[in-house]
Amino acid sequence: MKSLLKSSPAARASAAAPGVARGGSTVVLGAALLGFFLIALDALIVTVALPDIGRSLGGGMSGLQWMVDGYTLIFAALMLSAGALSDRIGARQAYGGGLVLFALASAACGLAPSLGVLVAARLVQGAAAAVMMPASLALVRQGFPDQAKRAQAIALWTVGGAVAVAAGPVLGGALTATVGWRWIFFVNLPAGLLALALLARVPASPRLPARLDVVGQVTAVVAMGALTYGVIEGGDKGFGRPLVVASLVVAAAAAAAFLTAQARGAHPMLPLPLFRSRVVAVSLVVGFMLNAAYYGGVFLFSLYLQQERGLSALHAGLMFIPMTALVAVVNLASAKLAALFGPRVPMVAGQLVTAAGLLALLGVGTHTQVWTVAALMVPVGLGGALTVPALTAMLLDAVPADRAGTASAVLNTARQVGGAIAVAAFGALLAGANTFLAGMRWSMLLAAAGLVLTAGATLTLPRKGRRDGEV
């Protein structure tokens, strides 16, 4: 998850506004980084705790899928218009409001008496995260008017997200095994309070006029929500059930209404001319498939290690350390490779490495040594780390400067939707297969095939990611 408001009006104004760094640039960065860490952490920390949550609150596979997708889905659906909201009310104000809502939702998750309440609180968490995400980067721009220092600060900001992604499964397993699954949510409270304390020392951000695309936002939420519901419930109860068929029809109708609103609206949150660029279109598909493979893989192997192999939540979390430990290092290597050979080389290599890792995992069975499984998962993490920095750079190089924020938000949305759809689809395959292992293997095979196809599409892009004149 990279920048969302690289060139938004609020970001440009705050960067130029006098005195915006009175609270100290370190304080600004600390507040923004803590929030980004929490956002990224909560996307994955819950996965290792799913079996314990199921035993504690009941609910089958569909309930556990909603535990993951409830957060990711709303986060993705609201992200496109969250930047405009940050502009309207000011980055500091939006970020503070999002932090408070995120903390309250986290407390509600930890205290939830039933699975339904827990899923509802996760939806609120996702909405709060969508508000916080663009505002956090706008705060970084506000606190660092100098371009060189701002670049360094943004790099540190992204490291916060990378560390959270790496720590999520491990921390989730450790907390679940020692103090109980509810603490995977309670742990957000002290971090949120610290971020708010730092934010109190940051001056208010300017408010700028920004129009909200209400029709586009509503239809986007309905389309994503109905599609996810149809896939999850279809896998659990059958795709022929009237309610499942109706949800898929609603998803198609809402998607059509969304595209119409974006084509005809005066201020669309997703300018359709962006998709005339082959670089943009391919980048979004690659981002979708990468997150589908990664988040779907973490979901599958969290269940496999605990339900099929009988590992505790702590031991299952530890099994993800090899996969995530080198992510930050590989991110840097990706940037160097892109500088030497252009972004296409690390993008193709990363996708093929991830696909190879998924294919290698097809041989995992009920008696495979767990450390062998952990080693085989390493390429899945490293391939994504190799691809994402180059992917983001190529996308931003392919669009005009005034579209960079929108393009970045669209990429992040595509990636989050990929993760949500993968959890829904892989869960459906698990529910429909004769055995857990059969469903897991079909899921990995489909993800690997998708990555091979997107790697092939990447080869059609310009070598240096130059703008192709279509935007």
Protein backbone atom coordinates (compact mmCIF):
# COMPACT_ATOMS: atom_id res chain seq x y z
CA MET A 1 0.00 0.00 0.00
CA LYS A 2 1.65 3.06 -1.18
CA SER A 3 0.72 6.74 -1.41
CA LEU A 4 -2.85 7.78 -1.98
CA LEU A 5 -2.68 11.55 -2.20
CA LYS A 6 0.59 12.20 -3.94
CA SER A 7 -0.71 15.30 -5.69
CA SER A 8 -4.07 16.04 -4.09
CA PRO A 9 -5.09 19.68 -3.51
CA ALA A 10 -4.81 19.30 0.25
CA ALA A 11 -1.35 17.81 0.00
CA ARG A 12 -0.11 20.58 -2.32
CA ALA A 13 -1.59 23.30 -0.15
CA SER A 14 -0.29 21.88 3.09
CA ALA A 15 3.19 21.47 1.65
CA ALA A 16 3.25 25.16 0.81
CA ALA A 17 1.44 26.48 3.88
CA PRO A 18 3.59 28.47 6.32
CA GLY A 19 4.17 27.11 9.77
CA VAL A 20 2.63 23.73 9.15
CA ALA A 21 5.49 21.92 10.84
CA ARG A 22 5.24 23.77 14.15
CA GLY A 23 4.55 20.47 15.90
CA GLY A 24 7.87 19.11 14.65
CA SER A 25 8.42 16.99 11.61
CA THR A 26 9.35 13.95 13.71
CA VAL A 27 6.07 14.20 15.57
CA VAL A 28 4.13 14.41 12.31
CA LEU A 29 5.91 11.38 10.89
CA GLY A 30 5.45 9.42 14.10
CA ALA A 31 1.71 10.07 14.15
CA ALA A 32 1.28 9.20 10.48
CA LEU A 33 3.46 6.09 10.63
CA LEU A 34 1.66 4.67 13.67
CA GLY A 35 -1.67 4.94 11.94
CA PHE A 36 -0.39 3.34 8.74
CA PHE A 37 1.14 0.54 10.81
CA LEU A 38 -2.24 -0.16 12.45
CA ILE A 39 -4.06 -0.12 9.11
CA ALA A 40 -1.69 -2.64 7.53
CA LEU A 41 -1.47 -4.76 10.69
CA ASP A 42 -5.22 -5.28 10.98
CA ALA A 43 -5.46 -6.57 7.43
CA LEU A 44 -3.46 -9.69 8.43
CA ILE A 45 -3.28 -10.01 12.21
CA VAL A 46 -6.70 -11.64 12.34
CA THR A 47 -5.91 -14.51 9.96
CA VAL A 48 -3.96 -16.71 12.39
CA ALA A 49 -6.65 -16.20 15.04
CA LEU A 50 -9.53 -17.40 12.83
CA PRO A 51 -9.77 -20.97 14.22
CA ASP A 52 -9.81 -19.69 17.82
CA ILE A 53 -12.44 -17.07 16.97
CA GLY A 54 -14.56 -19.77 15.30
CA ARG A 55 -14.36 -22.00 18.37
CA SER A 56 -15.15 -19.10 20.71
CA LEU A 57 -18.02 -17.42 18.84
CA GLY A 58 -19.22 -20.17 16.49
CA GLY A 59 -19.88 -19.74 12.79
CA GLY A 60 -18.59 -21.75 9.86
CA MET A 61 -16.24 -20.96 7.03
CA SER A 62 -18.39 -18.11 5.73
CA GLY A 63 -18.26 -16.33 9.07
CA LEU A 64 -14.48 -16.58 9.18
CA GLN A 65 -14.25 -15.26 5.62
CA TRP A 66 -16.31 -12.23 6.58
CA MET A 67 -13.93 -11.64 9.49
CA VAL A 68 -11.17 -10.99 6.95
CA ASP A 69 -13.19 -9.53 4.09
CA GLY A 70 -15.39 -7.22 6.18
CA TYR A 71 -12.35 -5.06 6.92
CA THR A 72 -10.69 -5.30 3.52
CA LEU A 73 -13.86 -4.79 1.51
CA ILE A 74 -14.98 -1.54 3.13
CA PHE A 75 -11.41 -0.28 3.19
CA ALA A 76 -11.14 -0.82 -0.57
CA ALA A 77 -14.61 0.51 -1.40
CA LEU A 78 -14.20 3.79 0.49
CA MET A 79 -10.58 4.46 -0.37
CA LEU A 80 -11.27 6.19 -3.69
CA SER A 81 -13.33 8.99 -2.15
CA ALA A 82 -11.49 9.22 1.18
CA GLY A 83 -8.95 11.59 -0.33
CA ALA A 84 -11.67 14.08 -1.22
CA LEU A 85 -13.01 13.86 2.34
CA SER A 86 -9.52 14.58 3.68
CA ASP A 87 -9.34 17.65 1.44
CA ARG A 88 -12.74 18.92 2.59
CA ILE A 89 -12.18 18.70 6.34
CA GLY A 90 -8.36 18.89 6.49
CA ALA A 91 -5.84 16.06 6.76
CA ARG A 92 -5.20 16.41 10.51
CA GLN A 93 -8.89 16.56 11.31
CA ALA A 94 -9.71 13.59 9.06
CA TYR A 95 -6.84 11.56 10.45
CA GLY A 96 -7.80 12.30 14.05
CA GLY A 97 -11.43 11.37 13.45
CA GLY A 98 -10.38 8.18 11.70
CA LEU A 99 -8.05 7.25 14.56
CA VAL A 100 -10.78 7.70 17.17
CA LEU A 101 -13.24 5.64 15.14
CA PHE A 102 -10.60 2.95 14.53
CA ALA A 103 -9.83 2.70 18.24
CA LEU A 104 -13.51 2.49 19.19
CA ALA A 105 -14.14 -0.16 16.54
CA SER A 106 -11.11 -2.13 17.78
CA ALA A 107 -12.50 -2.07 21.32
CA ALA A 108 -15.87 -3.25 19.98
CA CYS A 109 -14.12 -6.12 18.16
CA GLY A 110 -12.34 -7.20 21.32
CA LEU A 111 -15.55 -7.08 23.37
CA ALA A 112 -17.81 -8.63 20.71
CA PRO A 113 -20.25 -11.17 22.23
CA SER A 114 -21.06 -12.80 18.87
CA LEU A 115 -19.60 -13.29 15.42
CA GLY A 116 -22.18 -10.93 13.89
CA VAL A 117 -21.14 -8.09 16.19
CA LEU A 118 -17.49 -8.82 15.49
CA VAL A 119 -17.99 -8.67 11.71
CA ALA A 120 -19.97 -5.40 12.05
CA ALA A 121 -17.16 -3.87 14.11
CA ARG A 122 -14.65 -5.00 11.49
CA LEU A 123 -16.66 -3.13 8.86
CA VAL A 124 -16.38 0.04 10.95
CA GLN A 125 -12.65 -0.59 11.35
CA GLY A 126 -12.31 -0.77 7.57
CA ALA A 127 -14.22 2.49 7.10
CA ALA A 128 -11.98 4.24 9.64
CA ALA A 129 -8.87 2.86 7.94
CA ALA A 130 -10.05 4.21 4.59
CA VAL A 131 -10.28 7.70 6.10
CA MET A 132 -6.92 7.44 7.85
CA MET A 133 -4.90 6.14 4.91
CA PRO A 134 -4.85 9.19 2.57
CA ALA A 135 -4.87 11.62 5.49
CA SER A 136 -1.73 10.02 6.97
CA LEU A 137 0.28 10.64 3.81
CA ALA A 138 -1.11 14.16 3.48
CA LEU A 139 0.19 14.78 7.02
CA VAL A 140 3.65 13.65 5.96
CA ARG A 141 3.58 16.14 3.09
CA GLN A 142 2.37 18.80 5.51
CA GLY A 143 5.19 18.18 7.97
CA PHE A 144 7.98 18.02 5.37
CA PRO A 145 7.83 21.00 2.96
CA ASP A 146 11.33 20.23 1.64
CA GLN A 147 11.10 17.75 -1.23
CA ALA A 148 14.23 15.75 -0.37
CA LYS A 149 13.30 15.37 3.29
CA ARG A 150 9.74 14.54 2.30
CA ALA A 151 10.97 11.69 0.07
CA GLN A 152 12.91 10.24 3.01
CA ALA A 153 9.87 10.59 5.26
CA ILE A 154 7.61 8.85 2.75
CA ALA A 155 10.13 6.00 2.53
CA LEU A 156 9.99 5.58 6.32
CA TRP A 157 6.19 5.78 6.18
CA THR A 158 6.08 2.88 3.73
CA VAL A 159 8.43 0.86 5.92
CA GLY A 160 5.83 1.10 8.68
CA GLY A 161 3.35 -0.68 6.44
CA ALA A 162 5.89 -3.29 5.37
CA VAL A 163 6.79 -4.08 8.99
CA ALA A 164 3.09 -4.41 9.85
CA VAL A 165 2.49 -6.85 6.99
CA ALA A 166 5.46 -8.91 8.15
CA ALA A 167 4.47 -8.79 11.82
CA GLY A 168 0.73 -9.42 11.38
CA PRO A 169 0.59 -13.24 11.36
CA VAL A 170 3.34 -13.59 13.99
CA LEU A 171 1.88 -11.06 16.40
CA GLY A 172 -1.61 -12.44 15.86
CA GLY A 173 -0.44 -15.95 16.69
CA ALA A 174 1.53 -14.85 19.75
CA LEU A 175 -1.35 -12.82 21.23
CA THR A 176 -3.95 -15.51 20.50
CA ALA A 177 -1.83 -18.24 22.11
CA THR A 178 -0.86 -16.26 25.22
CA VAL A 179 -3.61 -13.81 26.22
CA GLY A 180 -6.43 -14.75 23.82
CA TRP A 181 -7.68 -13.66 20.41
CA ARG A 182 -9.48 -10.58 21.74
CA TRP A 183 -6.09 -8.94 22.35
CA ILE A 184 -5.34 -8.81 18.64
CA PHE A 185 -7.84 -5.94 18.69
CA PHE A 186 -7.10 -4.49 22.14
CA VAL A 187 -3.45 -4.02 21.13
CA ASN A 188 -4.62 -1.25 18.79
CA LEU A 189 -5.74 0.92 21.69
CA PRO A 190 -2.39 1.99 23.18
CA ALA A 191 -0.92 2.54 19.71
CA GLY A 192 -3.97 4.59 18.72
CA LEU A 193 -3.76 6.68 21.89
CA LEU A 194 -0.06 7.35 21.28
CA ALA A 195 -0.83 8.43 17.71
CA LEU A 196 -3.55 10.78 18.98
CA ALA A 197 -1.18 12.25 21.57
CA LEU A 198 1.35 12.98 18.83
CA LEU A 199 -1.36 14.36 16.56
CA ALA A 200 -2.40 16.83 19.26
CA ARG A 201 0.96 18.57 18.72
CA VAL A 202 0.36 18.98 14.98
CA PRO A 203 -1.40 22.17 13.79
CA ALA A 204 -4.70 22.00 11.96
CA SER A 205 -4.58 21.33 8.24
CA PRO A 206 -6.14 23.66 5.67
CA ARG A 207 -9.59 22.83 4.33
CA LEU A 208 -10.08 22.95 0.59
CA PRO A 209 -13.16 22.57 -1.58
CA ALA A 210 -13.46 19.02 -2.88
CA ARG A 211 -16.53 17.38 -4.35
CA LEU A 212 -17.64 13.95 -3.20
CA ASP A 213 -18.94 11.49 -5.78
CA VAL A 214 -21.86 10.21 -3.70
CA VAL A 215 -23.47 8.11 -6.44
CA GLY A 216 -20.15 6.54 -7.40
CA GLN A 217 -19.29 5.78 -3.78
CA VAL A 218 -22.63 4.17 -2.95
CA THR A 219 -22.69 2.03 -6.09
CA ALA A 220 -19.07 0.96 -5.50
CA VAL A 221 -19.86 -0.24 -1.97
CA VAL A 222 -22.98 -2.07 -3.14
CA ALA A 223 -21.18 -3.75 -6.05
CA MET A 224 -18.20 -4.95 -3.98
CA GLY A 225 -20.34 -5.99 -1.04
CA ALA A 226 -22.87 -7.91 -3.13
CA LEU A 227 -20.16 -9.68 -5.12
CA THR A 228 -18.28 -10.74 -1.99
CA TYR A 229 -21.49 -11.90 -0.33
CA GLY A 230 -22.46 -13.91 -3.40
CA VAL A 231 -19.08 -15.65 -3.62
CA ILE A 232 -18.86 -16.41 0.11
CA GLU A 233 -22.43 -17.59 0.56
CA GLY A 234 -22.42 -19.39 -2.79
CA GLY A 235 -19.41 -21.42 -1.75
CA ASP A 236 -20.97 -22.18 1.62
CA LYS A 237 -24.57 -22.91 0.63
CA GLY A 238 -24.57 -23.31 -3.14
CA PHE A 239 -24.61 -20.85 -6.02
CA GLY A 240 -28.13 -21.87 -7.06
CA ARG A 241 -29.80 -20.43 -3.96
CA PRO A 242 -32.11 -17.48 -4.77
CA LEU A 243 -30.41 -15.11 -2.34
CA VAL A 244 -26.98 -15.87 -3.80
CA VAL A 245 -28.21 -15.40 -7.37
CA ALA A 246 -29.91 -12.14 -6.35
CA SER A 247 -26.73 -10.82 -4.74
CA LEU A 248 -24.71 -11.51 -7.88
CA VAL A 249 -27.35 -9.77 -10.01
CA VAL A 250 -27.27 -6.78 -7.65
CA ALA A 251 -23.46 -6.73 -7.91
CA ALA A 252 -23.63 -6.62 -11.72
CA ALA A 253 -26.30 -3.90 -11.72
CA ALA A 254 -24.41 -1.79 -9.17
CA ALA A 255 -21.18 -2.16 -11.17
CA ALA A 256 -22.96 -0.97 -14.30
CA ALA A 257 -24.42 1.98 -12.40
CA PHE A 258 -20.97 2.80 -11.02
CA LEU A 259 -19.39 2.84 -14.48
CA THR A 260 -22.22 5.01 -15.79
CA ALA A 261 -21.77 7.47 -12.94
CA GLN A 262 -18.02 7.64 -13.58
CA ALA A 263 -18.53 8.19 -17.31
CA ARG A 264 -21.19 10.88 -16.97
CA GLY A 265 -20.47 12.49 -13.61
CA ALA A 266 -18.95 15.95 -13.40
CA HIS A 267 -16.54 14.93 -10.63
CA PRO A 268 -16.01 11.16 -10.83
CA MET A 269 -13.83 9.54 -8.18
CA LEU A 270 -12.48 7.14 -10.84
CA PRO A 271 -11.73 8.97 -14.12
CA LEU A 272 -12.27 6.32 -16.79
CA PRO A 273 -9.75 7.87 -19.24
CA LEU A 274 -7.04 6.47 -16.97
CA PHE A 275 -7.84 3.02 -18.30
CA ARG A 276 -6.96 4.02 -21.85
CA SER A 277 -3.35 3.58 -20.82
CA ARG A 278 -2.16 0.00 -21.23
CA VAL A 279 0.35 0.56 -18.42
CA VAL A 280 -2.41 1.58 -16.01
CA ALA A 281 -4.72 -1.27 -16.99
CA VAL A 282 -2.02 -3.94 -16.71
CA SER A 283 -0.68 -2.48 -13.45
CA LEU A 284 -4.11 -2.71 -11.84
CA VAL A 285 -4.56 -6.34 -12.89
CA VAL A 286 -1.08 -7.21 -11.62
CA GLY A 287 -1.80 -5.52 -8.28
CA PHE A 288 -5.11 -7.42 -8.02
CA MET A 289 -3.44 -10.80 -8.65
CA LEU A 290 -0.51 -10.16 -6.32
CA ASN A 291 -2.75 -9.43 -3.35
CA ALA A 292 -5.04 -12.31 -4.28
CA ALA A 293 -2.05 -14.67 -4.11
CA TYR A 294 -0.57 -13.19 -0.93
CA TYR A 295 -3.66 -12.57 1.21
CA GLY A 296 -5.34 -15.69 -0.10
CA GLY A 297 -2.21 -17.69 0.68
CA VAL A 298 -1.98 -16.39 4.25
CA PHE A 299 -5.68 -17.22 4.73
CA LEU A 300 -5.25 -20.76 3.38
CA PHE A 301 -2.12 -21.63 5.30
CA SER A 302 -3.35 -20.16 8.57
CA LEU A 303 -6.21 -22.64 8.39
CA TYR A 304 -4.01 -25.47 7.08
CA LEU A 305 -1.40 -25.18 9.82
CA GLN A 306 -3.99 -25.15 12.61
CA GLN A 307 -6.90 -27.22 11.35
CA GLU A 308 -5.02 -29.80 9.27
CA ARG A 309 -1.72 -29.97 11.17
CA GLY A 310 -2.91 -29.18 14.69
CA LEU A 311 -0.44 -26.35 15.37
CA SER A 312 -1.22 -23.72 17.97
CA ALA A 313 -1.89 -20.16 16.89
CA LEU A 314 1.59 -19.18 18.12
CA HIS A 315 3.37 -21.91 16.18
CA ALA A 316 1.30 -21.16 13.08
CA GLY A 317 2.26 -17.49 13.30
CA LEU A 318 5.93 -18.39 13.61
CA MET A 319 5.72 -20.38 10.39
CA PHE A 320 5.15 -17.11 8.51
CA ILE A 321 8.40 -15.51 9.69
CA PRO A 322 10.57 -16.87 6.83
CA MET A 323 8.03 -15.62 4.27
CA THR A 324 7.90 -12.09 5.65
CA ALA A 325 11.33 -11.51 7.19
CA LEU A 326 13.11 -10.26 4.06
CA VAL A 327 10.31 -8.13 2.60
CA ALA A 328 11.94 -4.77 3.34
CA VAL A 329 15.31 -5.90 1.94
CA VAL A 330 13.73 -7.20 -1.25
CA ASN A 331 11.79 -3.93 -1.62
CA LEU A 332 15.11 -2.10 -1.79
CA ALA A 333 16.49 -4.64 -4.24
CA SER A 334 13.44 -4.12 -6.45
CA ALA A 335 14.09 -0.38 -6.58
CA LYS A 336 17.72 -0.98 -7.60
CA LEU A 337 16.74 -3.49 -10.29
CA ALA A 338 14.15 -1.08 -11.65
CA ALA A 339 16.77 1.69 -11.80
CA LEU A 340 19.15 -0.56 -13.73
CA PHE A 341 16.81 -2.44 -16.06
CA GLY A 342 13.47 -0.63 -15.87
CA PRO A 343 10.47 -1.65 -13.72
CA ARG A 344 9.34 -4.39 -16.10
CA VAL A 345 12.19 -6.74 -15.10
CA PRO A 346 11.48 -6.94 -11.34
CA MET A 347 7.73 -6.98 -12.02
CA VAL A 348 7.91 -10.03 -14.30
CA ALA A 349 10.49 -11.77 -12.09
CA GLY A 350 8.44 -11.15 -8.95
CA GLN A 351 5.23 -12.52 -10.42
CA LEU A 352 6.95 -15.64 -11.73
CA VAL A 353 8.70 -16.21 -8.38
CA THR A 354 5.34 -15.98 -6.59
CA ALA A 355 3.73 -18.35 -9.09
CA ALA A 356 6.62 -20.81 -8.69
CA GLY A 357 6.19 -20.70 -4.92
CA LEU A 358 2.48 -21.47 -5.22
CA LEU A 359 3.15 -24.38 -7.57
CA ALA A 360 5.77 -25.77 -5.20
CA LEU A 361 3.19 -25.68 -2.40
CA LEU A 362 0.90 -27.99 -4.38
CA GLY A 363 2.94 -30.89 -3.03
CA VAL A 364 2.20 -30.03 0.61
CA GLY A 365 0.23 -32.76 2.38
CA THR A 366 -0.85 -33.79 5.85
CA HIS A 367 2.58 -35.21 6.71
CA THR A 368 4.88 -32.61 5.16
CA GLN A 369 7.36 -31.22 7.69
CA VAL A 370 6.03 -27.86 8.87
CA TRP A 371 9.42 -26.18 8.43
CA THR A 372 9.42 -27.43 4.86
CA VAL A 373 6.04 -25.73 4.42
CA ALA A 374 7.46 -22.52 5.92
CA ALA A 375 10.40 -22.63 3.51
CA LEU A 376 8.13 -23.24 0.52
CA MET A 377 6.07 -20.16 1.42
CA VAL A 378 9.11 -17.88 1.18
CA PRO A 379 8.88 -17.25 -2.62
CA VAL A 380 5.25 -16.13 -2.22
CA GLY A 381 6.34 -13.29 0.05
CA LEU A 382 9.53 -12.40 -1.77
CA GLY A 383 7.89 -12.33 -5.20
CA GLY A 384 5.36 -9.76 -4.06
CA ALA A 385 8.05 -7.65 -2.37
CA LEU A 386 10.04 -7.70 -5.61
CA THR A 387 7.05 -6.64 -7.72
CA VAL A 388 5.20 -3.95 -5.76
CA PRO A 389 7.78 -1.10 -5.67
CA ALA A 390 8.48 -1.43 -9.40
CA LEU A 391 4.75 -1.75 -10.10
CA THR A 392 3.98 1.45 -8.21
CA ALA A 393 6.81 3.35 -9.88
CA MET A 394 5.73 2.23 -13.36
CA LEU A 395 2.13 3.26 -12.73
CA LEU A 396 3.05 6.71 -11.44
CA ASP A 397 5.45 7.28 -14.35
CA ALA A 398 2.64 6.44 -16.80
CA VAL A 399 0.20 9.15 -15.68
CA PRO A 400 0.38 12.95 -15.60
CA ALA A 401 1.44 14.51 -12.29
CA ASP A 402 -2.07 15.75 -11.51
CA ARG A 403 -3.42 12.19 -11.81
CA ALA A 404 -0.77 10.56 -9.58
CA GLY A 405 -2.88 10.60 -6.42
CA THR A 406 -5.91 9.16 -8.18
CA ALA A 407 -3.86 6.49 -9.96
CA SER A 408 -2.21 5.46 -6.69
CA ALA A 409 -5.58 5.24 -4.94
CA VAL A 410 -6.97 3.11 -7.77
CA LEU A 411 -3.97 0.74 -7.53
CA ASN A 412 -4.43 0.36 -3.78
CA THR A 413 -8.12 -0.29 -4.28
CA ALA A 414 -7.43 -2.95 -6.90
CA ARG A 415 -4.96 -4.67 -4.57
CA GLN A 416 -7.35 -4.68 -1.61
CA VAL A 417 -10.21 -5.97 -3.77
CA GLY A 418 -7.89 -8.73 -4.98
CA GLY A 419 -7.25 -9.82 -1.41
CA ALA A 420 -10.94 -9.72 -0.50
CA ILE A 421 -12.07 -11.67 -3.57
CA ALA A 422 -9.33 -14.26 -3.04
CA VAL A 423 -10.44 -14.96 0.53
CA ALA A 424 -14.04 -15.28 -0.66
CA ALA A 425 -13.16 -17.48 -3.65
CA PHE A 426 -10.62 -19.67 -1.86
CA GLY A 427 -13.04 -20.20 1.00
CA ALA A 428 -15.68 -21.24 -1.53
CA LEU A 429 -13.25 -23.75 -3.06
CA LEU A 430 -12.44 -25.14 0.39
CA ALA A 431 -16.14 -25.52 1.19
CA GLY A 432 -16.92 -27.17 -2.16
CA ALA A 433 -14.01 -29.62 -2.30
CA ASN A 434 -14.05 -33.17 -0.96
CA THR A 435 -11.09 -32.43 1.31
CA PHE A 436 -9.38 -29.33 2.66
CA LEU A 437 -6.18 -30.15 0.78
CA ALA A 438 -8.03 -30.49 -2.52
CA GLY A 439 -9.62 -27.07 -2.11
CA MET A 440 -6.31 -25.54 -1.07
CA ARG A 441 -4.51 -26.98 -4.10
CA TRP A 442 -7.14 -25.74 -6.55
CA SER A 443 -6.88 -22.28 -4.97
CA MET A 444 -3.10 -22.15 -5.34
CA LEU A 445 -3.21 -23.51 -8.87
CA LEU A 446 -5.68 -20.83 -9.97
CA ALA A 447 -3.63 -18.08 -8.31
CA ALA A 448 -0.43 -19.32 -9.96
CA ALA A 449 -2.12 -19.45 -13.37
CA GLY A 450 -3.39 -15.90 -12.92
CA LEU A 451 0.10 -14.65 -12.07
CA VAL A 452 1.63 -16.35 -15.11
CA LEU A 453 -0.95 -14.59 -17.28
CA THR A 454 -0.33 -11.18 -15.69
CA ALA A 455 3.43 -11.71 -16.03
CA GLY A 456 2.87 -12.26 -19.74
CA ALA A 457 0.79 -9.09 -19.92
CA THR A 458 3.60 -7.20 -18.14
CA LEU A 459 5.99 -8.17 -20.94
CA THR A 460 3.87 -6.12 -23.36
CA LEU A 461 4.57 -2.90 -21.43
CA PRO A 462 7.25 -0.34 -22.34
CA ARG A 463 10.71 -1.22 -21.05
CA LYS A 464 11.14 1.93 -19.03
CA GLY A 465 7.48 2.49 -18.16
CA ARG A 466 7.23 5.63 -20.27
CA ARG A 467 3.88 7.30 -20.60
CA ASP A 468 2.26 5.89 -23.71
CA GLY A 469 0.24 8.94 -24.57
CA GLU A 470 -3.12 7.27 -23.98
CA VAL A 471 -4.01 9.00 -20.70
